[in-house]
């Protein structure tokens, strides 16, 4: 690999536990989007995808499995092209069940060091995704003179902070890194509450969202419903399906596509049959980001009934694809859509029932299309979360002009009355 002293000041490494792969094309799509947005402003970008591989061997066999992995690693390691001219190195990280997040981070750190032959990451700037498996791994492997930044996306941050060893490690990451970015003020405020002495280091910069693709024809009816995301209880998918059945009873032309993997897939299919709507409800399973974008351009309405969300990236992607949205006030969306809620769709309170979702749909249907202004929504959201906006913010931090101070407090999304910024999907 290239030695650090031969690199330019605009050489960047990205350290991440998630990145799309053939088995999980959706995993880490937000990291890929950031690379695609920021790489054109860099001399070179290398992505280190440190992917956990769970071992289920008996305890006495784990050491032997790791030794075999160590011997095979030189054969497996190579870089391949990824988006925007960047290079991608996939590094399997053998782990075992029941690790804490801090223990997982130590494994990611050790195996990246092994892959690098004990040498530092060959980059002047290192940007990590998530605090421990990304941030700690980057800090422990970066060159002493490198600038290390961390972006936090995780909706499970409370689980991390509830573990004493992980909380302590997280505090060290905040203290040691050059800059730390939360993708929404929900995450920023939670971390500031947990680490008040370091709250001044936590800034807002969202993950970028592309507004480049357009749909062939505008939405004229709100009949083809779409959900994109994981099929888990936190996403409110049970209530969504029941609400769809209620609305379908009023309008038999309604259809619903549920795109995404999850533990509730089987239960939801059974429930659709019970409700008598299994012939108009489609479960696609996991979809790649390109396929999700295509679905958005071919459907009429995104319905997102999450109980909690640090951002809700599919909501912004739907507006970018020219779709109205019906979304709960679940944390992130009321901030990301601040000032344009009525222009892009309908927001409803989080309630443990389907009736509120169905009622929200009826209100939206009754004022569509004259009560919406999707063009305005797209312009505002592009200014907040588009590739150019987010890339410029990162570049100001990564490559500060002499005397510029590194772009401190460079918040993306908080512009006048347009609201705040953020993104999740971990």
Protein backbone atom coordinates (compact mmCIF):
# COMPACT_ATOMS: atom_id res chain seq x y z
CA UNK A 1 0.00 0.00 0.00
CA UNK A 2 0.99 3.62 -0.41
CA UNK A 3 3.07 5.03 2.43
CA UNK A 4 1.55 7.97 4.27
CA UNK A 5 4.43 10.36 3.61
CA UNK A 6 3.90 10.03 -0.16
CA UNK A 7 0.23 10.99 -0.03
CA UNK A 8 -1.33 14.32 -0.85
CA UNK A 9 -3.28 16.34 1.70
CA UNK A 10 -6.49 15.39 -0.12
CA UNK A 11 -6.07 11.62 0.28
CA UNK A 12 -8.99 10.15 2.22
CA UNK A 13 -9.80 6.79 3.78
CA UNK A 14 -13.30 5.77 4.84
CA UNK A 15 -13.65 3.18 7.62
CA UNK A 16 -17.06 1.57 7.92
CA UNK A 17 -18.73 -1.60 9.23
CA UNK A 18 -21.39 -1.34 6.49
CA UNK A 19 -21.15 -1.10 2.73
CA UNK A 20 -23.33 -2.65 0.01
CA UNK A 21 -22.24 -6.15 -0.93
CA UNK A 22 -23.66 -8.91 -3.15
CA UNK A 23 -25.39 -10.56 -0.19
CA UNK A 24 -26.75 -7.33 1.30
CA UNK A 25 -27.03 -4.76 -1.46
CA UNK A 26 -28.91 -2.34 0.79
CA UNK A 27 -26.49 -2.44 3.73
CA UNK A 28 -24.59 0.79 4.15
CA UNK A 29 -26.12 2.49 1.13
CA UNK A 30 -25.81 5.78 3.01
CA UNK A 31 -22.04 5.27 3.30
CA UNK A 32 -21.80 4.57 -0.41
CA UNK A 33 -23.78 7.75 -1.09
CA UNK A 34 -21.34 9.78 1.01
CA UNK A 35 -18.39 8.32 -0.90
CA UNK A 36 -20.10 9.07 -4.21
CA UNK A 37 -20.75 12.66 -3.15
CA UNK A 38 -17.37 13.47 -1.62
CA UNK A 39 -14.85 11.52 -3.73
CA UNK A 40 -14.88 13.97 -6.68
CA UNK A 41 -13.30 16.61 -4.42
CA UNK A 42 -10.45 14.34 -3.30
CA UNK A 43 -7.25 13.13 -4.89
CA UNK A 44 -7.94 9.54 -3.87
CA UNK A 45 -10.41 7.71 -1.64
CA UNK A 46 -10.11 4.20 -0.24
CA UNK A 47 -13.02 2.58 1.58
CA UNK A 48 -12.19 -0.02 4.23
CA UNK A 49 -15.33 -2.10 4.69
CA UNK A 50 -14.67 -4.06 7.88
CA UNK A 51 -17.51 -6.56 7.81
CA UNK A 52 -18.34 -8.72 10.83
CA UNK A 53 -18.46 -12.45 10.08
CA UNK A 54 -20.15 -14.26 12.94
CA UNK A 55 -18.47 -17.50 14.02
CA UNK A 56 -20.60 -20.16 15.66
CA UNK A 57 -17.86 -22.65 16.44
CA UNK A 58 -17.48 -24.15 19.87
CA UNK A 59 -15.37 -21.92 22.18
CA UNK A 60 -12.37 -24.25 21.93
CA UNK A 61 -12.45 -23.94 18.13
CA UNK A 62 -12.55 -20.13 17.91
CA UNK A 63 -8.79 -19.63 18.28
CA UNK A 64 -8.07 -22.13 15.50
CA UNK A 65 -10.66 -20.47 13.24
CA UNK A 66 -9.05 -17.07 13.79
CA UNK A 67 -5.60 -18.44 13.03
CA UNK A 68 -6.90 -19.93 9.79
CA UNK A 69 -8.48 -16.59 8.95
CA UNK A 70 -5.15 -14.84 9.60
CA UNK A 71 -3.32 -17.17 7.22
CA UNK A 72 -5.93 -16.71 4.47
CA UNK A 73 -6.22 -12.93 4.85
CA UNK A 74 -3.36 -11.99 2.46
CA UNK A 75 -5.01 -14.05 -0.26
CA UNK A 76 -8.43 -12.48 0.28
CA UNK A 77 -7.37 -8.83 0.53
CA UNK A 78 -7.46 -6.74 -2.63
CA UNK A 79 -9.05 -3.48 -3.67
CA UNK A 80 -11.75 -3.08 -6.30
CA UNK A 81 -13.38 -0.06 -7.91
CA UNK A 82 -16.42 1.47 -6.27
CA UNK A 83 -18.37 4.68 -6.87
CA UNK A 84 -16.88 7.95 -8.14
CA UNK A 85 -13.41 6.53 -8.73
CA UNK A 86 -12.89 5.40 -5.13
CA UNK A 87 -11.32 2.04 -4.24
CA UNK A 88 -12.92 -0.54 -1.95
CA UNK A 89 -11.16 -3.01 0.37
CA UNK A 90 -13.40 -5.61 2.01
CA UNK A 91 -12.03 -6.97 5.27
CA UNK A 92 -13.82 -9.87 6.99
CA UNK A 93 -13.79 -9.50 10.78
CA UNK A 94 -14.43 -12.81 12.59
CA UNK A 95 -16.58 -12.25 15.69
CA UNK A 96 -18.54 -14.35 18.17
CA UNK A 97 -22.02 -13.81 19.68
CA UNK A 98 -22.59 -11.69 22.77
CA UNK A 99 -19.74 -9.24 22.27
CA UNK A 100 -20.34 -5.74 23.60
CA UNK A 101 -20.00 -2.92 21.06
CA UNK A 102 -16.61 -2.07 22.57
CA UNK A 103 -15.42 -5.65 22.17
CA UNK A 104 -16.61 -5.63 18.56
CA UNK A 105 -14.67 -2.40 18.02
CA UNK A 106 -11.51 -4.00 19.39
CA UNK A 107 -11.90 -6.87 16.94
CA UNK A 108 -12.43 -4.49 14.02
CA UNK A 109 -9.36 -2.53 15.15
CA UNK A 110 -7.14 -5.58 15.45
CA UNK A 111 -8.09 -7.08 12.10
CA UNK A 112 -7.63 -3.81 10.22
CA UNK A 113 -4.19 -3.52 11.79
CA UNK A 114 -3.50 -7.08 10.66
CA UNK A 115 -4.62 -6.25 7.12
CA UNK A 116 -2.40 -3.17 7.07
CA UNK A 117 0.62 -5.13 8.24
CA UNK A 118 0.86 -3.02 11.36
CA UNK A 119 1.27 0.17 9.36
CA UNK A 120 -1.08 3.18 9.68
CA UNK A 121 -3.96 3.78 7.31
CA UNK A 122 -2.38 5.42 4.26
CA UNK A 123 -4.41 8.63 4.20
CA UNK A 124 -4.14 12.19 5.48
CA UNK A 125 -7.86 12.25 6.27
CA UNK A 126 -9.74 9.30 7.77
CA UNK A 127 -13.52 9.43 8.01
CA UNK A 128 -15.28 6.74 10.03
CA UNK A 129 -18.91 5.71 10.17
CA UNK A 130 -20.43 5.02 13.61
CA UNK A 131 -18.61 5.77 16.81
CA UNK A 132 -16.99 2.50 17.82
CA UNK A 133 -16.60 -0.04 15.01
CA UNK A 134 -15.75 2.90 12.75
CA UNK A 135 -14.40 5.66 14.97
CA UNK A 136 -12.33 3.63 17.42
CA UNK A 137 -10.99 1.47 14.60
CA UNK A 138 -9.96 4.56 12.65
CA UNK A 139 -8.33 6.32 15.59
CA UNK A 140 -6.32 3.26 16.58
CA UNK A 141 -5.06 2.70 13.02
CA UNK A 142 -4.66 6.24 11.66
CA UNK A 143 -1.32 7.91 11.20
CA UNK A 144 -0.52 10.19 14.19
CA UNK A 145 -0.69 13.23 11.89
CA UNK A 146 -3.95 12.22 10.18
CA UNK A 147 -7.18 14.10 10.73
CA UNK A 148 -9.87 11.69 11.93
CA UNK A 149 -13.59 12.41 11.62
CA UNK A 150 -16.58 10.35 12.69
CA UNK A 151 -20.19 10.31 11.48
CA UNK A 152 -22.82 8.74 13.74
CA UNK A 153 -25.98 7.27 12.19
CA UNK A 154 -27.02 4.63 14.68
CA UNK A 155 -30.63 4.45 15.79
CA UNK A 156 -29.43 1.97 18.45
CA UNK A 157 -27.20 4.50 20.21
CA UNK A 158 -28.90 3.90 23.57
CA UNK A 159 -27.88 0.24 23.42
CA UNK A 160 -24.27 1.34 22.94
CA UNK A 161 -24.36 3.82 25.79
CA UNK A 162 -26.02 1.32 28.15
CA UNK A 163 -22.87 -0.84 28.08
CA UNK A 164 -20.25 0.58 30.50
CA UNK A 165 -17.23 -0.45 28.44
CA UNK A 166 -18.80 0.86 25.23
CA UNK A 167 -19.82 4.15 26.84
CA UNK A 168 -16.26 4.69 28.09
CA UNK A 169 -14.81 3.92 24.67
CA UNK A 170 -17.33 6.24 23.01
CA UNK A 171 -16.23 9.10 25.26
CA UNK A 172 -12.63 8.49 24.23
CA UNK A 173 -13.61 8.59 20.55
CA UNK A 174 -15.37 11.93 21.03
CA UNK A 175 -12.37 13.33 22.88
CA UNK A 176 -9.72 12.11 20.44
CA UNK A 177 -11.28 12.68 17.02
CA UNK A 178 -10.69 15.82 14.98
CA UNK A 179 -14.39 16.29 14.28
CA UNK A 180 -17.61 14.45 15.12
CA UNK A 181 -20.86 14.65 13.14
CA UNK A 182 -24.32 13.45 14.05
CA UNK A 183 -26.74 13.02 11.18
CA UNK A 184 -29.69 14.49 13.06
CA UNK A 185 -30.19 16.74 16.04
CA UNK A 186 -31.96 13.83 17.77
CA UNK A 187 -28.64 11.98 17.86
CA UNK A 188 -26.66 15.12 18.60
CA UNK A 189 -28.82 15.96 21.60
CA UNK A 190 -28.69 12.40 22.94
CA UNK A 191 -24.90 12.33 22.73
CA UNK A 192 -24.59 15.83 24.19
CA UNK A 193 -26.70 14.69 27.12
CA UNK A 194 -24.50 11.63 27.62
CA UNK A 195 -21.20 13.53 27.28
CA UNK A 196 -21.86 17.17 28.27
CA UNK A 197 -18.16 18.05 28.55
CA UNK A 198 -17.68 17.10 24.88
CA UNK A 199 -20.98 18.39 23.50
CA UNK A 200 -19.20 21.27 21.76
CA UNK A 201 -17.51 18.80 19.40
CA UNK A 202 -20.76 17.33 18.04
CA UNK A 203 -22.00 18.98 14.85
CA UNK A 204 -24.72 18.23 12.31
CA UNK A 205 -23.96 17.02 8.80
CA UNK A 206 -26.40 14.72 7.04
CA UNK A 207 -25.72 11.85 4.75
CA UNK A 208 -26.22 12.99 1.16
CA UNK A 209 -29.25 12.14 -0.94
CA UNK A 210 -29.31 12.28 -4.72
CA UNK A 211 -31.94 14.43 -6.42
CA UNK A 212 -30.66 13.65 -9.92
CA UNK A 213 -33.18 11.03 -11.08
CA UNK A 214 -36.65 12.08 -12.25
CA UNK A 215 -39.83 10.08 -12.77
CA UNK A 216 -41.32 9.55 -16.20
CA UNK A 217 -44.66 11.12 -15.27
CA UNK A 218 -45.93 12.95 -12.20
CA UNK A 219 -48.13 11.31 -9.59
CA UNK A 220 -51.81 11.83 -10.43
CA UNK A 221 -53.48 9.49 -7.90
CA UNK A 222 -52.48 8.19 -4.47
CA UNK A 223 -53.35 4.57 -5.10
CA UNK A 224 -50.02 2.72 -5.30
CA UNK A 225 -48.68 2.72 -1.74
CA UNK A 226 -45.02 1.94 -1.03
CA UNK A 227 -43.07 1.18 2.12
CA UNK A 228 -39.26 0.93 1.97
CA UNK A 229 -37.37 -0.22 5.03
CA UNK A 230 -36.89 -3.09 7.41
CA UNK A 231 -39.88 -5.13 8.49
CA UNK A 232 -39.53 -4.71 12.25
CA UNK A 233 -41.91 -3.50 14.94
CA UNK A 234 -40.14 -0.16 15.41
CA UNK A 235 -41.11 0.76 11.86
CA UNK A 236 -44.85 0.41 12.57
CA UNK A 237 -45.36 -1.99 9.68
CA UNK A 238 -48.15 -3.91 11.45
CA UNK A 239 -50.22 -0.75 11.82
CA UNK A 240 -49.39 0.27 8.27
CA UNK A 241 -50.73 -2.99 6.85
CA UNK A 242 -53.93 -2.74 8.88
CA UNK A 243 -54.42 0.87 7.77
CA UNK A 244 -53.94 -0.14 4.15
CA UNK A 245 -56.60 -2.84 4.48
CA UNK A 246 -59.02 -0.29 5.94
CA UNK A 247 -58.40 2.13 3.07
CA UNK A 248 -58.50 -0.66 0.49
CA UNK A 249 -61.99 -1.56 1.68
CA UNK A 250 -63.00 1.98 0.64
CA UNK A 251 -61.04 1.94 -2.62
CA UNK A 252 -60.37 -1.53 -4.08
CA UNK A 253 -57.88 -0.07 -6.59
CA UNK A 254 -55.31 0.56 -3.86
CA UNK A 255 -52.16 -1.58 -3.82
CA UNK A 256 -49.27 -1.82 -1.36
CA UNK A 257 -45.65 -2.79 -1.94
CA UNK A 258 -43.50 -3.50 1.12
CA UNK A 259 -39.85 -3.47 0.12
CA UNK A 260 -37.31 -4.64 2.65
CA UNK A 261 -36.11 -7.55 4.77
CA UNK A 262 -37.06 -8.24 8.36
CA UNK A 263 -38.22 -10.68 10.99
CA UNK A 264 -41.86 -9.72 10.53
CA UNK A 265 -42.07 -10.67 6.85
CA UNK A 266 -43.81 -13.99 7.46
CA UNK A 267 -46.20 -12.57 10.04
CA UNK A 268 -47.14 -9.69 7.77
CA UNK A 269 -47.84 -12.03 4.86
CA UNK A 270 -50.13 -14.08 7.10
CA UNK A 271 -51.86 -10.92 8.32
CA UNK A 272 -52.41 -9.74 4.73
CA UNK A 273 -54.16 -13.03 4.00
CA UNK A 274 -56.31 -12.67 7.14
CA UNK A 275 -57.31 -9.19 6.04
CA UNK A 276 -58.15 -10.40 2.54
CA UNK A 277 -55.61 -8.13 0.83
CA UNK A 278 -52.85 -10.63 0.04
CA UNK A 279 -53.66 -10.33 -3.69
CA UNK A 280 -52.88 -6.58 -3.67
CA UNK A 281 -49.94 -6.55 -1.21
CA UNK A 282 -46.48 -7.39 -2.54
CA UNK A 283 -43.48 -8.26 -0.36
CA UNK A 284 -40.29 -7.82 -2.36
CA UNK A 285 -37.77 -8.74 0.29
CA UNK A 286 -34.51 -6.83 0.38
CA UNK A 287 -33.89 -4.49 -2.53
CA UNK A 288 -30.76 -2.75 -3.73
CA UNK A 289 -30.68 1.07 -3.57
CA UNK A 290 -31.17 1.38 -7.35
CA UNK A 291 -34.21 -0.89 -7.18
CA UNK A 292 -35.65 1.09 -4.26
CA UNK A 293 -35.25 4.28 -6.29
CA UNK A 294 -37.02 2.66 -9.24
CA UNK A 295 -39.91 1.57 -7.03
CA UNK A 296 -40.26 5.12 -5.75
CA UNK A 297 -40.49 6.47 -9.27
CA UNK A 298 -43.20 3.93 -10.10
CA UNK A 299 -45.43 4.29 -7.01
CA UNK A 300 -47.70 7.11 -5.87
CA UNK A 301 -47.26 7.44 -2.12
CA UNK A 302 -44.62 6.52 0.44
CA UNK A 303 -46.12 5.53 3.79
CA UNK A 304 -43.70 5.56 6.73
CA UNK A 305 -45.30 4.78 10.10
CA UNK A 306 -42.21 4.36 12.28
CA UNK A 307 -42.48 4.73 16.05
CA UNK A 308 -38.95 6.17 16.28
CA UNK A 309 -36.53 7.39 13.63
CA UNK A 310 -33.35 9.41 13.84
CA UNK A 311 -33.85 10.50 10.25
CA UNK A 312 -35.86 8.29 7.89
CA UNK A 313 -33.84 8.44 4.69
CA UNK A 314 -36.52 6.80 2.56
CA UNK A 315 -38.79 9.78 3.22
CA UNK A 316 -36.35 12.23 1.66
CA UNK A 317 -35.55 9.82 -1.16
CA UNK A 318 -39.26 9.52 -1.92
CA UNK A 319 -39.66 13.29 -2.22
CA UNK A 320 -36.55 13.34 -4.42
CA UNK A 321 -38.31 10.75 -6.62
CA UNK A 322 -41.41 12.95 -6.91
CA UNK A 323 -43.60 11.07 -4.42
CA UNK A 324 -45.82 12.54 -1.70
CA UNK A 325 -45.25 11.06 1.76
CA UNK A 326 -47.45 10.05 4.67
CA UNK A 327 -45.16 9.92 7.69
CA UNK A 328 -45.29 9.83 11.47
CA UNK A 329 -43.76 12.48 13.71
CA UNK A 330 -41.27 9.95 14.99
CA UNK A 331 -38.23 12.06 15.78
CA UNK A 332 -36.25 12.82 12.64
CA UNK A 333 -38.92 13.52 9.98
CA UNK A 334 -40.51 16.50 11.69
CA UNK A 335 -37.08 18.11 11.68
CA UNK A 336 -35.94 17.13 8.20
CA UNK A 337 -39.28 18.21 6.71
CA UNK A 338 -39.63 21.32 8.86
CA UNK A 339 -41.32 24.13 6.95
CA UNK A 340 -42.39 21.95 4.01
CA UNK A 341 -44.55 19.31 5.74
CA UNK A 342 -47.74 20.29 3.92
CA UNK A 343 -45.91 20.79 0.61
CA UNK A 344 -44.65 17.21 0.45
CA UNK A 345 -47.45 15.28 2.14
CA UNK A 346 -49.06 14.63 5.50
CA UNK A 347 -47.54 14.13 8.95
CA UNK A 348 -49.37 12.22 11.68
CA UNK A 349 -48.69 11.60 15.34
CA UNK A 350 -47.24 8.30 16.53
CA UNK A 351 -50.18 6.30 17.82
CA UNK A 352 -50.44 2.61 18.54
CA UNK A 353 -53.24 2.03 16.07
CA UNK A 354 -53.99 1.91 12.37
CA UNK A 355 -56.84 4.40 12.46
CA UNK A 356 -54.53 7.42 12.67
CA UNK A 357 -52.67 6.27 9.55
CA UNK A 358 -55.88 5.71 7.62
CA UNK A 359 -57.20 9.11 8.71
CA UNK A 360 -53.96 10.76 7.61
CA UNK A 361 -54.26 9.13 4.21
CA UNK A 362 -57.80 10.43 3.76
CA UNK A 363 -56.71 13.98 4.64
CA UNK A 364 -53.82 13.78 2.19
CA UNK A 365 -56.01 12.28 -0.54
CA UNK A 366 -58.60 15.02 -0.12
CA UNK A 367 -56.09 17.83 -0.66
CA UNK A 368 -54.08 16.16 -3.42
CA UNK A 369 -52.80 17.48 -5.77
CA UNK A 370 -53.58 21.19 -5.34
CA UNK A 371 -52.64 21.26 -1.66
CA UNK A 372 -49.10 20.03 -2.29
CA UNK A 373 -46.01 21.55 -3.88
CA UNK A 374 -43.54 18.74 -4.49
CA UNK A 375 -41.31 20.94 -6.62
CA UNK A 376 -40.78 23.31 -3.71
CA UNK A 377 -40.14 20.38 -1.39
CA UNK A 378 -37.51 18.95 -3.71
CA UNK A 379 -35.70 22.28 -4.00
CA UNK A 380 -35.61 22.82 -0.24
CA UNK A 381 -34.48 19.28 0.53
CA UNK A 382 -31.83 19.34 -2.17
CA UNK A 383 -30.40 22.45 -0.52
CA UNK A 384 -30.40 20.68 2.85
CA UNK A 385 -29.33 17.15 1.96
CA UNK A 386 -28.19 17.07 -1.67
CA UNK A 387 -24.82 15.72 -2.75
CA UNK A 388 -23.28 19.12 -3.38
CA UNK A 389 -24.33 20.58 -0.03
CA UNK A 390 -23.08 17.68 2.06
CA UNK A 391 -19.86 17.21 0.08
CA UNK A 392 -18.93 20.87 0.48
CA UNK A 393 -19.46 20.63 4.23
CA UNK A 394 -17.18 17.61 4.56
CA UNK A 395 -14.53 19.11 2.33
CA UNK A 396 -14.45 22.26 4.46
CA UNK A 397 -13.65 20.09 7.47
CA UNK A 398 -11.33 17.67 5.73
CA UNK A 399 -9.30 20.22 3.81
CA UNK A 400 -9.45 23.51 5.74
CA UNK A 401 -7.90 26.58 4.23
CA UNK A 402 -4.96 27.94 6.24
CA UNK A 403 -6.36 29.96 9.10
CA UNK A 404 -9.92 28.76 8.50
CA UNK A 405 -10.07 26.73 11.69
CA UNK A 406 -11.31 23.52 10.07
CA UNK A 407 -14.88 24.60 9.42
CA UNK A 408 -16.00 24.46 13.04
CA UNK A 409 -19.74 24.50 13.66
CA UNK A 410 -20.46 23.96 9.99
CA UNK A 411 -24.03 22.71 10.34
CA UNK A 412 -25.83 21.29 7.33
CA UNK A 413 -29.58 21.58 7.32
CA UNK A 414 -30.16 24.39 9.78
CA UNK A 415 -30.78 27.19 7.29
CA UNK A 416 -33.00 30.07 8.34
CA UNK A 417 -36.46 28.60 9.00
CA UNK A 418 -35.95 25.48 6.94
CA UNK A 419 -35.36 23.18 9.90
CA UNK A 420 -32.70 20.69 10.77
CA UNK A 421 -30.71 17.94 9.29
CA UNK A 422 -29.97 14.28 9.76
CA UNK A 423 -29.95 10.77 8.55
CA UNK A 424 -30.01 7.32 9.96
CA UNK A 425 -30.69 3.74 8.78
CA UNK A 426 -28.34 1.70 10.70
